[in-house]
Amino acid sequence: MQWASENPDGVVVEVRGKPKAAIITYTEYEEFLRLRKQEQKRKALAALDALRKEVGRQNSNVTAADAYRQAGFHNDLIQEMQNPKP
């Protein structure tokens, strides 16, 4: 573990010559978790964007105000969103 903590490449643990695990510094592990979470968010946003586009294609005649009404937004809020005050 000391060797792994002192070497940025970490250590690969093999079983019968096949890689099974890696020992890396805790800092590298935290970075891995951050990147994994970031990728999960990117995938979720891409899926939502694809869904938004598909719903838009299927409902091209629905106005933004109609969509807000169907979502339960109050008419005053819809008006404010369409005509924001400077």
Foldseek 3Di string as FASTA:
>chain_A
DVVQAVDQVFDFDDDPPHTDDTGHHVVVVVVVVVVVVVVVVVVVVVVVVVVVVVVCVVPVVQDPLNVCVVVPHDPVVSVCVVPPDD
